[in-house]
Structure formats: C-alpha cells, structure tokens
Amino acid sequence: MERAEFYRLTGVVLDLAVEAHDLLRGATRQEVPGVREDKEKYANATVTTITIFNAAGAQAMGKPQGTYITIDAPALRYENPPVHEEIASLLAQKLGVLLQKWQIGPSDPVLVVGLGNWEATPDSLGPKVVNQFTVTRHLLKFAPQNLPPGTRPVSALAPGVLGTTGIETAEILRGVVEKTRPRILIAIDALAAGDLGRIGSSIQITDTGINPGSGVGNKRTGINIETMGIPVIAIGIPTVVHAGVIIYEVLNQLQQAFPGTNINLDQIMAQNLARNVLAPFGGNLTVTPKEIDDLVHNLAWVIGNALNRTLHNTLLQAGAAVPLH
C-alpha cells in the first residue's frame, strides 16, 4: 500500500508542507501543477521553499495558497550553541522575507502568539517562546524616552488551549487584534511530523496562518488572514509523530530487510492494524522523544532569538539591551 493511502486510513495529518509535497509527488518526482519547490544549501541546514500559486495547487496539496519555508537542521536536536545561533540567524532572515512580502515596515506593530498548552511539554513550545524574546509595546507607552526612535511595538500573548480556557483561541485573538491593532500576527506552535527524523529538527514558516491542533486530530478554528483580518505568519516545529507513521515505517523496513516476507498491505489490513494496535487510545496516539524537555527549551530559545533579530533591528543597531541569550 502507498504511504499516502496508509496515512489517510490511519488518520495521519501532515503539518509540514514539504512532507505533503514529497508524498504527493511520490516515486515519480514529477512536479505538482500550481506548486513550485526551491532548495538552498547551508553549512548546517537545508532550506526548502514550497510555493502554492493557485487553487489547483492548493487542492492537490490540501493546504492554502502561499509560501511555506522549511529549515531542516538536524543539529538542532543536540547541545550546540554556535549552530543554534546560526540557525536562529537563518530563521530571522527567512522571517524577514515574509514580513517584506506583506510590506511590514521596521516600526509597524506586531503581535506574537505562543499557541499550545503549558502543562503538556510537547505542546509547550509556543508559550515558552513568549518568555524568550523582548516585548516593547508597554515600554513605548510608559517609558518611550528609554527607547531609540523607530522602535517597533511588539506585544505577546500565550492564550492557552480550549480545554483549559473554554474559549476558542481564535476568539481570544480576534479580541486582542481588535483592541491592540497590530499590522501582522506571528503564531508559534508545535507540529506533528510525518517523518521521525524531523522531530525537533525542522522549522516551518508560512504566511498562510495555522489551524491549531490539526496534526493531532483536534479541529480548531483557523488563525489566518480571513479570521484575524490581518496577515498571519506561523512558525512551527514538529515535537510529536503519529503512531501510524511508526507502524508504516516498521512494516516498510521489514519488507526491505526480508523481501521474501511479502507483506502486502491492503485497505482492510491497514484499518485492522490501526484499530487493533491503537485501540487503547481511540486510534489517535502521538509519540514524543523522552528528552522532549531539553529539546523544547532549546527550540524555544532559537525561535526567541530569531524574533529578536527580526523584530528589534532598531534596538540592536542602537546597541540597546535586547536579550539574545
């Protein structure tokens, strides 16, 4: 059975556009109509940019039209501060590209939102990022004399999740956007990967917004330009993988190691596997590494560092005290 069909039957949702693109092209490697892929190589990272141009490309990919930039950097999973700083700089550069696309000026107000649940470590990336960069909106209001001219008003919010607040995140954010009037919203969230190797090592940046919880089967109201009324840039890093991915990989490698086994997955077998193996969890089990605490801490630092570099260029040029570490 093809990987795409197995994922569909077992409920695996691919948050990363680069994975959806690879899956769609399959073994033919033929480009998808309405979609373009560009690659860049760096010393410690590979950058893949997927651009969806039209409705046909959006329908084929199952994702909105827009730009999806993925930074693959396996070194993010290890304690390597110089490389982390390098990846943060690269992330800041790519984030700046999307800000320019939406004509966001150096002093335009920005709202940064950390999506996710403080109490669940794999889902705590967004809230932890909020503590890793500098907010200035209040300083510009109450102590403007302490900041250089042109300082950008940046505000931040970690709104929690529906299960603890009883309020849809999109509803909270609509109210905040209406009152604070930012020019753009930057949302950070943990994602679900379709490849075990991407956990904690791939960063996706997109200007199409985000649907919180979609990767783990929770359907929430989208946070995008349609619902917020302003452009939304989403930054996400996979911290979990669906158990269905692991089942498929084990079967696939078993076939490769023992070609004579001749395991032919059909629709009935795939459904039985998902039902029997994942039954104790209602068919929807996600898995995360045991070192997820350290991983999320380092990833939050990288994103916070990149946000400071991108949003506080005026402060950095003026030599003001912006905590980059």
C-alpha atoms as a PDB file:
ATOM      1  CA  MET A   1       0.000   0.000   0.000  1.00  0.00           C
ATOM      2  CA  GLU A   2       1.207   3.510  -0.804  1.00  0.00           C
ATOM      3  CA  ARG A   3       2.302   5.642   2.159  1.00  0.00           C
ATOM      4  CA  ALA A   4      -0.293   8.329   1.356  1.00  0.00           C
ATOM      5  CA  GLU A   5      -3.147   5.828   1.436  1.00  0.00           C
ATOM      6  CA  PHE A   6      -1.925   4.270   4.691  1.00  0.00           C
ATOM      7  CA  TYR A   7      -1.689   7.692   6.317  1.00  0.00           C
ATOM      8  CA  ARG A   8      -5.217   8.517   5.191  1.00  0.00           C
ATOM      9  CA  LEU A   9      -6.627   5.302   6.619  1.00  0.00           C
ATOM     10  CA  THR A  10      -4.826   5.674   9.956  1.00  0.00           C
ATOM     11  CA  GLY A  11      -5.663   9.376  10.361  1.00  0.00           C
ATOM     12  CA  VAL A  12      -2.133  10.777   9.969  1.00  0.00           C
ATOM     13  CA  VAL A  13      -2.201  14.515   9.150  1.00  0.00           C
ATOM     14  CA  LEU A  14       0.938  16.139   7.717  1.00  0.00           C
ATOM     15  CA  ASP A  15       1.519  19.606   9.189  1.00  0.00           C
ATOM     16  CA  LEU A  16       4.663  20.200   7.119  1.00  0.00           C
ATOM     17  CA  ALA A  17       4.028  21.298   3.533  1.00  0.00           C
ATOM     18  CA  VAL A  18       7.374  19.834   2.443  1.00  0.00           C
ATOM     19  CA  GLU A  19       6.226  16.385   3.604  1.00  0.00           C
ATOM     20  CA  ALA A  20       2.842  16.718   1.907  1.00  0.00           C
ATOM     21  CA  HIS A  21       4.646  17.787  -1.281  1.00  0.00           C
ATOM     22  CA  ASP A  22       7.047  14.823  -1.211  1.00  0.00           C
ATOM     23  CA  LEU A  23       4.168  12.439  -0.543  1.00  0.00           C
ATOM     24  CA  LEU A  24       2.134  13.886  -3.400  1.00  0.00           C
ATOM     25  CA  ARG A  25       4.977  13.623  -5.903  1.00  0.00           C
ATOM     26  CA  GLY A  26       5.796  10.083  -4.776  1.00  0.00           C
ATOM     27  CA  ALA A  27       8.274   7.984  -6.671  1.00  0.00           C
ATOM     28  CA  THR A  28       7.647   9.809  -9.985  1.00  0.00           C
ATOM     29  CA  ARG A  29       9.258  13.023  -8.641  1.00  0.00           C
ATOM     30  CA  GLN A  30       7.072  14.948 -11.099  1.00  0.00           C
ATOM     31  CA  GLU A  31       6.173  18.474 -10.012  1.00  0.00           C
ATOM     32  CA  VAL A  32       2.653  19.173  -8.824  1.00  0.00           C
ATOM     33  CA  PRO A  33       0.734  21.646 -11.053  1.00  0.00           C
ATOM     34  CA  GLY A  34       0.415  25.010  -9.314  1.00  0.00           C
ATOM     35  CA  VAL A  35       3.247  24.204  -6.890  1.00  0.00           C
ATOM     36  CA  ARG A  36       6.961  25.054  -7.027  1.00  0.00           C
ATOM     37  CA  GLU A  37       9.809  23.756  -4.880  1.00  0.00           C
ATOM     38  CA  ASP A  38      13.115  25.618  -4.377  1.00  0.00           C
ATOM     39  CA  LYS A  39      16.069  24.406  -2.324  1.00  0.00           C
ATOM     40  CA  GLU A  40      19.033  26.165  -0.708  1.00  0.00           C
ATOM     41  CA  LYS A  41      22.023  24.548   0.985  1.00  0.00           C
ATOM     42  CA  TYR A  42      23.783  25.980   4.032  1.00  0.00           C
ATOM     43  CA  ALA A  43      26.578  24.641   6.221  1.00  0.00           C
ATOM     44  CA  ASN A  44      24.236  23.249   8.871  1.00  0.00           C
ATOM     45  CA  ALA A  45      20.848  23.428   7.216  1.00  0.00           C
ATOM     46  CA  THR A  46      18.823  22.836   4.077  1.00  0.00           C
ATOM     47  CA  VAL A  47      16.019  25.264   3.229  1.00  0.00           C
ATOM     48  CA  THR A  48      13.086  24.107   1.108  1.00  0.00           C
ATOM     49  CA  THR A  49      10.545  26.665  -0.080  1.00  0.00           C
ATOM     50  CA  ILE A  50       7.192  25.357  -1.307  1.00  0.00           C
ATOM     51  CA  THR A  51       5.080  27.961  -3.108  1.00  0.00           C
ATOM     52  CA  ILE A  52       1.437  27.189  -3.877  1.00  0.00           C
ATOM     53  CA  PHE A  53       0.346  29.508  -6.686  1.00  0.00           C
ATOM     54  CA  ASN A  54      -3.268  28.697  -7.448  1.00  0.00           C
ATOM     55  CA  ALA A  55      -6.413  26.861  -6.415  1.00  0.00           C
ATOM     56  CA  ALA A  56      -5.382  23.683  -8.248  1.00  0.00           C
ATOM     57  CA  GLY A  57      -2.127  23.523  -6.304  1.00  0.00           C
ATOM     58  CA  ALA A  58      -3.947  24.248  -3.044  1.00  0.00           C
ATOM     59  CA  GLN A  59      -6.451  21.465  -3.689  1.00  0.00           C
ATOM     60  CA  ALA A  60      -3.739  18.963  -4.588  1.00  0.00           C
ATOM     61  CA  MET A  61      -1.639  19.829  -1.522  1.00  0.00           C
ATOM     62  CA  GLY A  62      -4.570  20.174   0.850  1.00  0.00           C
ATOM     63  CA  LYS A  63      -3.133  23.491   2.041  1.00  0.00           C
ATOM     64  CA  PRO A  64      -3.926  27.180   1.356  1.00  0.00           C
ATOM     65  CA  GLN A  65      -2.116  29.195  -1.313  1.00  0.00           C
ATOM     66  CA  GLY A  66       1.017  30.861  -0.021  1.00  0.00           C
ATOM     67  CA  THR A  67       4.657  30.338   0.881  1.00  0.00           C
ATOM     68  CA  TYR A  68       5.947  27.501   3.070  1.00  0.00           C
ATOM     69  CA  ILE A  69       9.607  27.679   4.103  1.00  0.00           C
ATOM     70  CA  THR A  70      11.134  24.666   5.863  1.00  0.00           C
ATOM     71  CA  ILE A  71      14.552  24.781   7.527  1.00  0.00           C
ATOM     72  CA  ASP A  72      15.930  21.267   8.081  1.00  0.00           C
ATOM     73  CA  ALA A  73      18.738  21.336  10.650  1.00  0.00           C
ATOM     74  CA  PRO A  74      19.426  18.001  12.429  1.00  0.00           C
ATOM     75  CA  ALA A  75      21.944  19.763  14.713  1.00  0.00           C
ATOM     76  CA  LEU A  76      19.002  21.450  16.469  1.00  0.00           C
ATOM     77  CA  ARG A  77      18.488  18.209  18.387  1.00  0.00           C
ATOM     78  CA  TYR A  78      21.866  18.456  20.109  1.00  0.00           C
ATOM     79  CA  GLU A  79      23.535  20.872  22.534  1.00  0.00           C
ATOM     80  CA  ASN A  80      25.467  23.026  20.082  1.00  0.00           C
ATOM     81  CA  PRO A  81      25.032  26.751  20.889  1.00  0.00           C
ATOM     82  CA  PRO A  82      27.074  28.089  17.915  1.00  0.00           C
ATOM     83  CA  VAL A  83      24.940  26.099  15.453  1.00  0.00           C
ATOM     84  CA  HIS A  84      21.755  27.095  17.273  1.00  0.00           C
ATOM     85  CA  GLU A  85      22.781  30.737  16.882  1.00  0.00           C
ATOM     86  CA  GLU A  86      23.440  30.140  13.189  1.00  0.00           C
ATOM     87  CA  ILE A  87      20.004  28.564  12.679  1.00  0.00           C
ATOM     88  CA  ALA A  88      18.371  31.424  14.595  1.00  0.00           C
ATOM     89  CA  SER A  89      20.030  33.884  12.219  1.00  0.00           C
ATOM     90  CA  LEU A  90      18.803  31.896   9.206  1.00  0.00           C
ATOM     91  CA  LEU A  91      15.284  31.743  10.654  1.00  0.00           C
ATOM     92  CA  ALA A  92      15.354  35.511  11.202  1.00  0.00           C
ATOM     93  CA  GLN A  93      16.392  36.017   7.581  1.00  0.00           C
ATOM     94  CA  LYS A  94      13.523  33.891   6.247  1.00  0.00           C
ATOM     95  CA  LEU A  95      11.038  35.504   8.615  1.00  0.00           C
ATOM     96  CA  GLY A  96      12.158  38.880   7.292  1.00  0.00           C
ATOM     97  CA  VAL A  97      11.378  37.720   3.750  1.00  0.00           C
ATOM     98  CA  LEU A  98       7.748  37.052   4.675  1.00  0.00           C
ATOM     99  CA  LEU A  99       7.448  40.370   6.529  1.00  0.00           C
ATOM    100  CA  GLN A 100       8.671  42.140   3.389  1.00  0.00           C
ATOM    101  CA  LYS A 101       6.190  40.179   1.279  1.00  0.00           C
ATOM    102  CA  TRP A 102       3.373  41.697   3.346  1.00  0.00           C
ATOM    103  CA  GLN A 103       5.073  45.127   3.338  1.00  0.00           C
ATOM    104  CA  ILE A 104       5.517  45.237   7.116  1.00  0.00           C
ATOM    105  CA  GLY A 105       7.776  48.186   7.947  1.00  0.00           C
ATOM    106  CA  PRO A 106      10.505  48.282  10.636  1.00  0.00           C
ATOM    107  CA  SER A 107       8.290  50.182  13.097  1.00  0.00           C
ATOM    108  CA  ASP A 108       4.936  48.513  12.359  1.00  0.00           C
ATOM    109  CA  PRO A 109       3.319  46.884  15.434  1.00  0.00           C
ATOM    110  CA  VAL A 110       3.482  43.092  15.705  1.00  0.00           C
ATOM    111  CA  LEU A 111       1.596  40.640  17.922  1.00  0.00           C
ATOM    112  CA  VAL A 112       3.391  37.371  18.744  1.00  0.00           C
ATOM    113  CA  VAL A 113       1.211  34.495  19.956  1.00  0.00           C
ATOM    114  CA  GLY A 114       2.514  31.349  21.641  1.00  0.00           C
ATOM    115  CA  LEU A 115      -0.044  28.626  20.908  1.00  0.00           C
ATOM    116  CA  GLY A 116      -0.211  25.457  22.962  1.00  0.00           C
ATOM    117  CA  ASN A 117      -0.516  24.063  26.456  1.00  0.00           C
ATOM    118  CA  TRP A 118       1.962  24.993  29.223  1.00  0.00           C
ATOM    119  CA  GLU A 119       1.135  21.740  31.050  1.00  0.00           C
ATOM    120  CA  ALA A 120       1.936  19.369  28.154  1.00  0.00           C
ATOM    121  CA  THR A 121       5.650  19.522  27.354  1.00  0.00           C
ATOM    122  CA  PRO A 122       5.441  18.553  23.649  1.00  0.00           C
ATOM    123  CA  ASP A 123       2.769  21.241  23.205  1.00  0.00           C
ATOM    124  CA  SER A 124       4.513  23.943  25.269  1.00  0.00           C
ATOM    125  CA  LEU A 125       6.787  25.334  22.541  1.00  0.00           C
ATOM    126  CA  GLY A 126       4.586  28.369  21.790  1.00  0.00           C
ATOM    127  CA  PRO A 127       4.110  29.534  25.400  1.00  0.00           C
ATOM    128  CA  LYS A 128       7.821  29.063  26.143  1.00  0.00           C
ATOM    129  CA  VAL A 129       8.830  31.220  23.179  1.00  0.00           C
ATOM    130  CA  VAL A 130       6.856  34.102  24.707  1.00  0.00           C
ATOM    131  CA  ASN A 131       9.440  34.188  27.531  1.00  0.00           C
ATOM    132  CA  GLN A 132      12.400  34.129  25.150  1.00  0.00           C
ATOM    133  CA  PHE A 133      12.169  37.485  23.375  1.00  0.00           C
ATOM    134  CA  THR A 134      11.606  41.156  24.138  1.00  0.00           C
ATOM    135  CA  VAL A 135       8.186  42.862  24.186  1.00  0.00           C
ATOM    136  CA  THR A 136       8.151  46.633  23.798  1.00  0.00           C
ATOM    137  CA  ARG A 137       4.586  47.876  23.372  1.00  0.00           C
ATOM    138  CA  HIS A 138       4.235  48.775  27.065  1.00  0.00           C
ATOM    139  CA  LEU A 139       7.668  50.434  27.150  1.00  0.00           C
ATOM    140  CA  LEU A 140       6.780  52.665  24.221  1.00  0.00           C
ATOM    141  CA  LYS A 141       3.626  53.706  26.074  1.00  0.00           C
ATOM    142  CA  PHE A 142       5.055  54.311  29.546  1.00  0.00           C
ATOM    143  CA  ALA A 143       8.802  54.922  29.024  1.00  0.00           C
ATOM    144  CA  PRO A 144       9.365  55.980  25.396  1.00  0.00           C
ATOM    145  CA  GLN A 145      12.368  58.114  26.389  1.00  0.00           C
ATOM    146  CA  ASN A 146      14.306  54.934  27.152  1.00  0.00           C
ATOM    147  CA  LEU A 147      13.954  53.568  23.633  1.00  0.00           C
ATOM    148  CA  PRO A 148      15.517  54.769  20.342  1.00  0.00           C
ATOM    149  CA  PRO A 149      13.244  56.378  17.737  1.00  0.00           C
ATOM    150  CA  GLY A 150      11.614  53.865  15.420  1.00  0.00           C
ATOM    151  CA  THR A 151      11.435  51.068  17.987  1.00  0.00           C
ATOM    152  CA  ARG A 152       8.821  48.554  16.935  1.00  0.00           C
ATOM    153  CA  PRO A 153       5.836  47.981  19.274  1.00  0.00           C
ATOM    154  CA  VAL A 154       5.822  44.240  19.937  1.00  0.00           C
ATOM    155  CA  SER A 155       3.265  42.551  22.180  1.00  0.00           C
ATOM    156  CA  ALA A 156       2.949  38.888  23.116  1.00  0.00           C
ATOM    157  CA  LEU A 157       0.295  36.521  24.355  1.00  0.00           C
ATOM    158  CA  ALA A 158       0.054  32.843  25.363  1.00  0.00           C
ATOM    159  CA  PRO A 159      -3.733  32.325  25.251  1.00  0.00           C
ATOM    160  CA  GLY A 160      -3.790  28.701  26.423  1.00  0.00           C
ATOM    161  CA  VAL A 161      -5.964  25.997  24.889  1.00  0.00           C
ATOM    162  CA  LEU A 162      -9.694  25.418  24.633  1.00  0.00           C
ATOM    163  CA  GLY A 163      -9.581  22.609  27.185  1.00  0.00           C
ATOM    164  CA  THR A 164      -8.353  24.936  29.941  1.00  0.00           C
ATOM    165  CA  THR A 165      -9.929  28.252  28.947  1.00  0.00           C
ATOM    166  CA  GLY A 166     -13.255  27.131  27.461  1.00  0.00           C
ATOM    167  CA  ILE A 167     -12.697  29.735  24.732  1.00  0.00           C
ATOM    168  CA  GLU A 168     -11.588  29.126  21.154  1.00  0.00           C
ATOM    169  CA  THR A 169      -8.093  30.547  20.690  1.00  0.00           C
ATOM    170  CA  ALA A 170      -9.242  32.325  17.530  1.00  0.00           C
ATOM    171  CA  GLU A 171     -11.952  34.130  19.548  1.00  0.00           C
ATOM    172  CA  ILE A 172      -9.388  35.368  22.093  1.00  0.00           C
ATOM    173  CA  LEU A 173      -7.049  36.549  19.372  1.00  0.00           C
ATOM    174  CA  ARG A 174      -9.780  38.372  17.435  1.00  0.00           C
ATOM    175  CA  GLY A 175     -10.494  40.433  20.543  1.00  0.00           C
ATOM    176  CA  VAL A 176      -6.806  41.179  21.143  1.00  0.00           C
ATOM    177  CA  VAL A 177      -6.237  42.144  17.495  1.00  0.00           C
ATOM    178  CA  GLU A 178      -9.272  44.450  17.586  1.00  0.00           C
ATOM    179  CA  LYS A 179      -8.013  46.272  20.696  1.00  0.00           C
ATOM    180  CA  THR A 180      -4.236  46.401  20.031  1.00  0.00           C
ATOM    181  CA  ARG A 181      -4.361  46.767  16.214  1.00  0.00           C
ATOM    182  CA  PRO A 182      -1.125  45.042  15.128  1.00  0.00           C
ATOM    183  CA  ARG A 183      -0.190  45.049  11.451  1.00  0.00           C
ATOM    184  CA  ILE A 184       0.648  41.340  11.497  1.00  0.00           C
ATOM    185  CA  LEU A 185       0.330  38.358  13.822  1.00  0.00           C
ATOM    186  CA  ILE A 186       3.114  35.799  14.297  1.00  0.00           C
ATOM    187  CA  ALA A 187       1.911  32.494  15.754  1.00  0.00           C
ATOM    188  CA  ILE A 188       4.245  29.821  17.148  1.00  0.00           C
ATOM    189  CA  ASP A 189       3.028  26.259  17.629  1.00  0.00           C
ATOM    190  CA  ALA A 190       4.229  22.676  17.967  1.00  0.00           C
ATOM    191  CA  LEU A 191       3.508  20.476  14.953  1.00  0.00           C
ATOM    192  CA  ALA A 192       3.138  16.774  14.171  1.00  0.00           C
ATOM    193  CA  ALA A 193       5.681  15.210  11.797  1.00  0.00           C
ATOM    194  CA  GLY A 194       5.225  12.525   9.173  1.00  0.00           C
ATOM    195  CA  ASP A 195       8.916  11.606   9.413  1.00  0.00           C
ATOM    196  CA  LEU A 196      10.584  10.630  12.697  1.00  0.00           C
ATOM    197  CA  GLY A 197      13.787  12.368  11.604  1.00  0.00           C
ATOM    198  CA  ARG A 198      12.038  15.741  11.516  1.00  0.00           C
ATOM    199  CA  ILE A 199      11.089  15.818  15.207  1.00  0.00           C
ATOM    200  CA  GLY A 200      12.879  18.788  16.752  1.00  0.00           C
ATOM    201  CA  SER A 201      14.952  19.428  13.635  1.00  0.00           C
ATOM    202  CA  SER A 202      12.622  21.065  11.078  1.00  0.00           C
ATOM    203  CA  ILE A 203      11.248  24.596  11.308  1.00  0.00           C
ATOM    204  CA  GLN A 204       8.342  25.598   9.082  1.00  0.00           C
ATOM    205  CA  ILE A 205       7.491  29.242   8.425  1.00  0.00           C
ATOM    206  CA  THR A 206       4.390  30.073   6.397  1.00  0.00           C
ATOM    207  CA  ASP A 207       2.299  33.147   5.665  1.00  0.00           C
ATOM    208  CA  THR A 208      -0.941  31.153   5.400  1.00  0.00           C
ATOM    209  CA  GLY A 209      -1.681  31.008   9.121  1.00  0.00           C
ATOM    210  CA  ILE A 210      -2.334  27.877  11.162  1.00  0.00           C
ATOM    211  CA  ASN A 211      -5.051  25.508  12.353  1.00  0.00           C
ATOM    212  CA  PRO A 212      -4.105  24.733  15.977  1.00  0.00           C
ATOM    213  CA  GLY A 213      -4.183  21.053  16.900  1.00  0.00           C
ATOM    214  CA  SER A 214      -4.862  19.789  13.375  1.00  0.00           C
ATOM    215  CA  GLY A 215      -1.828  17.491  13.412  1.00  0.00           C
ATOM    216  CA  VAL A 216      -3.115  15.551  16.427  1.00  0.00           C
ATOM    217  CA  GLY A 217      -6.746  15.388  15.333  1.00  0.00           C
ATOM    218  CA  ASN A 218      -8.126  18.430  17.181  1.00  0.00           C
ATOM    219  CA  LYS A 219     -10.134  20.588  14.798  1.00  0.00           C
ATOM    220  CA  ARG A 220      -9.952  24.220  15.924  1.00  0.00           C
ATOM    221  CA  THR A 221     -10.899  27.470  14.206  1.00  0.00           C
ATOM    222  CA  GLY A 222      -8.119  28.592  11.891  1.00  0.00           C
ATOM    223  CA  ILE A 223      -5.898  31.552  12.714  1.00  0.00           C
ATOM    224  CA  ASN A 224      -5.339  33.259   9.381  1.00  0.00           C
ATOM    225  CA  ILE A 225      -5.968  36.451   7.442  1.00  0.00           C
ATOM    226  CA  GLU A 226      -9.632  35.532   6.953  1.00  0.00           C
ATOM    227  CA  THR A 227     -10.381  35.072  10.666  1.00  0.00           C
ATOM    228  CA  MET A 228      -7.999  37.727  12.065  1.00  0.00           C
ATOM    229  CA  GLY A 229      -8.348  40.451   9.439  1.00  0.00           C
ATOM    230  CA  ILE A 230      -4.534  40.846   9.288  1.00  0.00           C
ATOM    231  CA  PRO A 231      -1.766  38.671   7.790  1.00  0.00           C
ATOM    232  CA  VAL A 232      -0.689  35.711   9.938  1.00  0.00           C
ATOM    233  CA  ILE A 233       2.780  34.160   9.835  1.00  0.00           C
ATOM    234  CA  ALA A 234       3.050  30.765  11.526  1.00  0.00           C
ATOM    235  CA  ILE A 235       6.282  29.270  12.865  1.00  0.00           C
ATOM    236  CA  GLY A 236       6.105  25.599  13.789  1.00  0.00           C
ATOM    237  CA  ILE A 237       8.430  22.775  14.787  1.00  0.00           C
ATOM    238  CA  PRO A 238       7.382  19.098  14.969  1.00  0.00           C
ATOM    239  CA  THR A 239       7.572  17.695  18.505  1.00  0.00           C
ATOM    240  CA  VAL A 240       5.390  14.600  18.059  1.00  0.00           C
ATOM    241  CA  VAL A 241       4.703  11.917  15.472  1.00  0.00           C
ATOM    242  CA  HIS A 242       1.522   9.904  14.946  1.00  0.00           C
ATOM    243  CA  ALA A 243       1.897   6.230  15.902  1.00  0.00           C
ATOM    244  CA  GLY A 244       0.571   5.314  12.446  1.00  0.00           C
ATOM    245  CA  VAL A 245       3.811   6.665  10.974  1.00  0.00           C
ATOM    246  CA  ILE A 246       5.833   4.294  13.166  1.00  0.00           C
ATOM    247  CA  ILE A 247       3.644   1.331  12.182  1.00  0.00           C
ATOM    248  CA  TYR A 248       4.169   2.072   8.497  1.00  0.00           C
ATOM    249  CA  GLU A 249       7.943   2.553   8.879  1.00  0.00           C
ATOM    250  CA  VAL A 250       8.339  -0.750  10.742  1.00  0.00           C
ATOM    251  CA  LEU A 251       6.404  -2.652   8.061  1.00  0.00           C
ATOM    252  CA  ASN A 252       8.277  -0.886   5.276  1.00  0.00           C
ATOM    253  CA  GLN A 253      11.701  -1.651   6.752  1.00  0.00           C
ATOM    254  CA  LEU A 254      10.636  -5.234   7.436  1.00  0.00           C
ATOM    255  CA  GLN A 255       9.822  -5.658   3.752  1.00  0.00           C
ATOM    256  CA  GLN A 256      13.190  -4.179   2.755  1.00  0.00           C
ATOM    257  CA  ALA A 257      15.161  -6.334   5.200  1.00  0.00           C
ATOM    258  CA  PHE A 258      13.274  -9.539   4.325  1.00  0.00           C
ATOM    259  CA  PRO A 259      11.989  -9.255   0.756  1.00  0.00           C
ATOM    260  CA  GLY A 260      10.646 -12.787   0.931  1.00  0.00           C
ATOM    261  CA  THR A 261       8.183 -11.849   3.653  1.00  0.00           C
ATOM    262  CA  ASN A 262       5.861 -10.394   1.011  1.00  0.00           C
ATOM    263  CA  ILE A 263       3.699  -8.268   3.321  1.00  0.00           C
ATOM    264  CA  ASN A 264       1.074  -6.779   1.046  1.00  0.00           C
ATOM    265  CA  LEU A 265      -0.861  -4.112   2.899  1.00  0.00           C
ATOM    266  CA  ASP A 266      -4.380  -3.654   1.646  1.00  0.00           C
ATOM    267  CA  GLN A 267      -7.124  -1.369   2.915  1.00  0.00           C
ATOM    268  CA  ILE A 268      -8.626  -3.953   5.269  1.00  0.00           C
ATOM    269  CA  MET A 269      -5.242  -4.867   6.787  1.00  0.00           C
ATOM    270  CA  ALA A 270      -4.337  -1.196   7.290  1.00  0.00           C
ATOM    271  CA  GLN A 271      -7.626  -0.487   9.037  1.00  0.00           C
ATOM    272  CA  ASN A 272      -7.217  -3.576  11.225  1.00  0.00           C
ATOM    273  CA  LEU A 273      -3.685  -2.527  12.203  1.00  0.00           C
ATOM    274  CA  ALA A 274      -4.838   0.924  13.181  1.00  0.00           C
ATOM    275  CA  ARG A 275      -7.850  -0.412  15.047  1.00  0.00           C
ATOM    276  CA  ASN A 276      -6.048  -3.208  16.917  1.00  0.00           C
ATOM    277  CA  VAL A 277      -2.700  -1.577  17.761  1.00  0.00           C
ATOM    278  CA  LEU A 278      -4.065   1.877  18.573  1.00  0.00           C
ATOM    279  CA  ALA A 279      -7.381   0.753  20.080  1.00  0.00           C
ATOM    280  CA  PRO A 280      -6.464   1.669  23.704  1.00  0.00           C
ATOM    281  CA  PHE A 281      -6.034   5.271  22.522  1.00  0.00           C
ATOM    282  CA  GLY A 282      -9.033   5.535  20.250  1.00  0.00           C
ATOM    283  CA  GLY A 283      -6.830   5.164  17.181  1.00  0.00           C
ATOM    284  CA  ASN A 284      -5.163   8.532  17.802  1.00  0.00           C
ATOM    285  CA  LEU A 285      -1.824   8.062  19.595  1.00  0.00           C
ATOM    286  CA  THR A 286       1.052  10.523  19.258  1.00  0.00           C
ATOM    287  CA  VAL A 287       4.615   9.831  20.377  1.00  0.00           C
ATOM    288  CA  THR A 288       7.370  12.204  21.540  1.00  0.00           C
ATOM    289  CA  PRO A 289      11.066  11.660  22.484  1.00  0.00           C
ATOM    290  CA  LYS A 290      11.962  11.169  26.157  1.00  0.00           C
ATOM    291  CA  GLU A 291      14.324  14.180  26.012  1.00  0.00           C
ATOM    292  CA  ILE A 292      11.497  16.466  24.894  1.00  0.00           C
ATOM    293  CA  ASP A 293      12.009  18.855  27.866  1.00  0.00           C
ATOM    294  CA  ASP A 294      15.513  19.862  26.778  1.00  0.00           C
ATOM    295  CA  LEU A 295      14.522  19.808  23.130  1.00  0.00           C
ATOM    296  CA  VAL A 296      11.623  22.229  23.577  1.00  0.00           C
ATOM    297  CA  HIS A 297      13.771  24.527  25.761  1.00  0.00           C
ATOM    298  CA  ASN A 298      16.452  24.798  23.059  1.00  0.00           C
ATOM    299  CA  LEU A 299      13.938  25.221  20.243  1.00  0.00           C
ATOM    300  CA  ALA A 300      12.149  27.999  22.136  1.00  0.00           C
ATOM    301  CA  TRP A 301      15.477  29.800  22.541  1.00  0.00           C
ATOM    302  CA  VAL A 302      16.206  29.530  18.801  1.00  0.00           C
ATOM    303  CA  ILE A 303      12.812  30.991  17.843  1.00  0.00           C
ATOM    304  CA  GLY A 304      13.026  33.723  20.505  1.00  0.00           C
ATOM    305  CA  ASN A 305      16.480  34.677  19.285  1.00  0.00           C
ATOM    306  CA  ALA A 306      15.221  34.855  15.690  1.00  0.00           C
ATOM    307  CA  LEU A 307      12.261  37.035  16.720  1.00  0.00           C
ATOM    308  CA  ASN A 308      14.573  39.491  18.476  1.00  0.00           C
ATOM    309  CA  ARG A 309      16.812  39.704  15.428  1.00  0.00           C
ATOM    310  CA  THR A 310      13.857  40.243  13.081  1.00  0.00           C
ATOM    311  CA  LEU A 311      11.571  42.497  15.114  1.00  0.00           C
ATOM    312  CA  HIS A 312      14.098  44.577  17.068  1.00  0.00           C
ATOM    313  CA  ASN A 313      16.585  45.613  14.427  1.00  0.00           C
ATOM    314  CA  THR A 314      16.329  49.258  15.553  1.00  0.00           C
ATOM    315  CA  LEU A 315      17.171  48.326  19.138  1.00  0.00           C
ATOM    316  CA  LEU A 316      20.094  46.166  18.040  1.00  0.00           C
ATOM    317  CA  GLN A 317      21.522  48.892  15.822  1.00  0.00           C
ATOM    318  CA  ALA A 318      21.223  51.364  18.680  1.00  0.00           C
ATOM    319  CA  GLY A 319      23.081  48.989  20.991  1.00  0.00           C
ATOM    320  CA  ALA A 320      20.124  48.700  23.370  1.00  0.00           C
ATOM    321  CA  ALA A 321      19.907  45.796  25.779  1.00  0.00           C
ATOM    322  CA  VAL A 322      17.928  43.188  23.865  1.00  0.00           C
ATOM    323  CA  PRO A 323      18.445  39.760  25.433  1.00  0.00           C
ATOM    324  CA  LEU A 324      19.572  37.453  22.647  1.00  0.00           C
ATOM    325  CA  HIS A 325      20.746  34.746  25.069  1.00  0.00           C
END
